[in-house]
Amino acid sequence: MAIKYDKDVAFFEDICTVEEAEEFVVWIKEQKEPKLNLESLEHMHTALLQTILFFKPEILKLPNDNFFQDILCL
């Protein structure tokens, strides 16, 4: 799995695929104040991106990719 969960923080690593979207939605809905660490992210499926944009969790660290930085900082 490219998403690892530690209490209220989800760590996105490498390439995060659509297969991880359902588990991520369940996790984020269960959290009072979800946080994301995207520092090691290379690419994520749009289903994950849409979930992040919908729930607006706190992002502790942005990915290095300029495309994702621009979208997530809207």
Protein backbone atom coordinates (compact mmCIF):
# COMPACT_ATOMS: atom_id res chain seq x y z
CA MET A 1 0.00 0.00 0.00
CA ALA A 2 1.27 3.44 -0.90
CA ILE A 3 -0.82 5.08 1.84
CA LYS A 4 0.20 4.34 5.39
CA TYR A 5 -1.95 5.38 8.34
CA ASP A 6 -0.68 6.42 11.77
CA LYS A 7 -3.45 7.64 14.06
CA ASP A 8 -4.72 10.87 12.44
CA VAL A 9 -2.00 11.18 9.76
CA ALA A 10 -2.00 9.51 6.35
CA PHE A 11 1.37 9.23 4.63
CA PHE A 12 1.20 9.09 0.83
CA GLU A 13 4.24 7.42 -0.73
CA ASP A 14 5.31 6.77 -4.30
CA ILE A 15 2.34 6.09 -6.61
CA CYS A 16 -1.12 6.00 -4.98
CA THR A 17 -3.67 4.17 -7.11
CA VAL A 18 -7.44 4.06 -7.38
CA GLU A 19 -7.44 0.78 -5.44
CA GLU A 20 -6.54 2.77 -2.33
CA ALA A 21 -9.34 5.33 -2.69
CA GLU A 22 -12.09 3.44 -0.86
CA GLU A 23 -9.93 2.73 2.20
CA PHE A 24 -8.79 6.38 2.21
CA VAL A 25 -12.38 7.67 2.13
CA VAL A 26 -13.32 5.41 5.04
CA TRP A 27 -10.27 6.54 7.02
CA ILE A 28 -10.75 10.26 6.39
CA LYS A 29 -14.43 10.09 7.37
CA GLU A 30 -13.49 8.48 10.70
CA GLN A 31 -11.01 11.23 11.66
CA LYS A 32 -11.92 14.35 13.61
CA GLU A 33 -8.94 16.28 12.25
CA PRO A 34 -7.26 14.27 9.50
CA LYS A 35 -3.78 15.26 8.42
CA LEU A 36 -1.76 14.32 5.35
CA ASN A 37 1.94 14.01 4.70
CA LEU A 38 2.45 14.04 0.93
CA GLU A 39 6.21 14.62 0.97
CA SER A 40 7.06 11.22 -0.60
CA LEU A 41 4.21 11.25 -3.13
CA GLU A 42 5.13 10.82 -6.79
CA HIS A 43 1.63 10.51 -8.27
CA MET A 44 -1.93 9.94 -7.07
CA HIS A 45 -5.11 8.86 -8.83
CA THR A 46 -7.71 11.59 -9.32
CA ALA A 47 -10.13 9.76 -6.98
CA LEU A 48 -7.70 10.40 -4.13
CA LEU A 49 -7.16 13.99 -5.22
CA GLN A 50 -10.92 14.61 -5.36
CA THR A 51 -11.31 13.15 -1.86
CA ILE A 52 -8.63 15.49 -0.54
CA LEU A 53 -10.23 18.50 -2.22
CA PHE A 54 -13.66 17.55 -0.84
CA PHE A 55 -12.66 16.89 2.80
CA LYS A 56 -9.90 19.54 2.96
CA PRO A 57 -7.68 17.81 5.55
CA GLU A 58 -4.69 19.64 6.95
CA ILE A 59 -1.66 19.03 4.76
CA LEU A 60 1.47 18.81 6.88
CA LYS A 61 3.89 18.44 3.96
CA LEU A 62 3.26 19.04 0.28
CA PRO A 63 4.57 16.79 -2.48
CA ASN A 64 7.56 17.89 -4.55
CA ASP A 65 5.47 17.78 -7.74
CA ASN A 66 4.52 21.31 -8.86
CA PHE A 67 1.24 20.15 -10.41
CA PHE A 68 -0.05 18.73 -7.12
CA GLN A 69 1.33 21.67 -5.15
CA ASP A 70 -0.63 24.10 -7.33
CA ILE A 71 -3.90 22.15 -7.06
CA LEU A 72 -3.66 21.48 -3.33
CA CYS A 73 -2.87 25.10 -2.49
CA LEU A 74 -6.02 26.51 -4.08
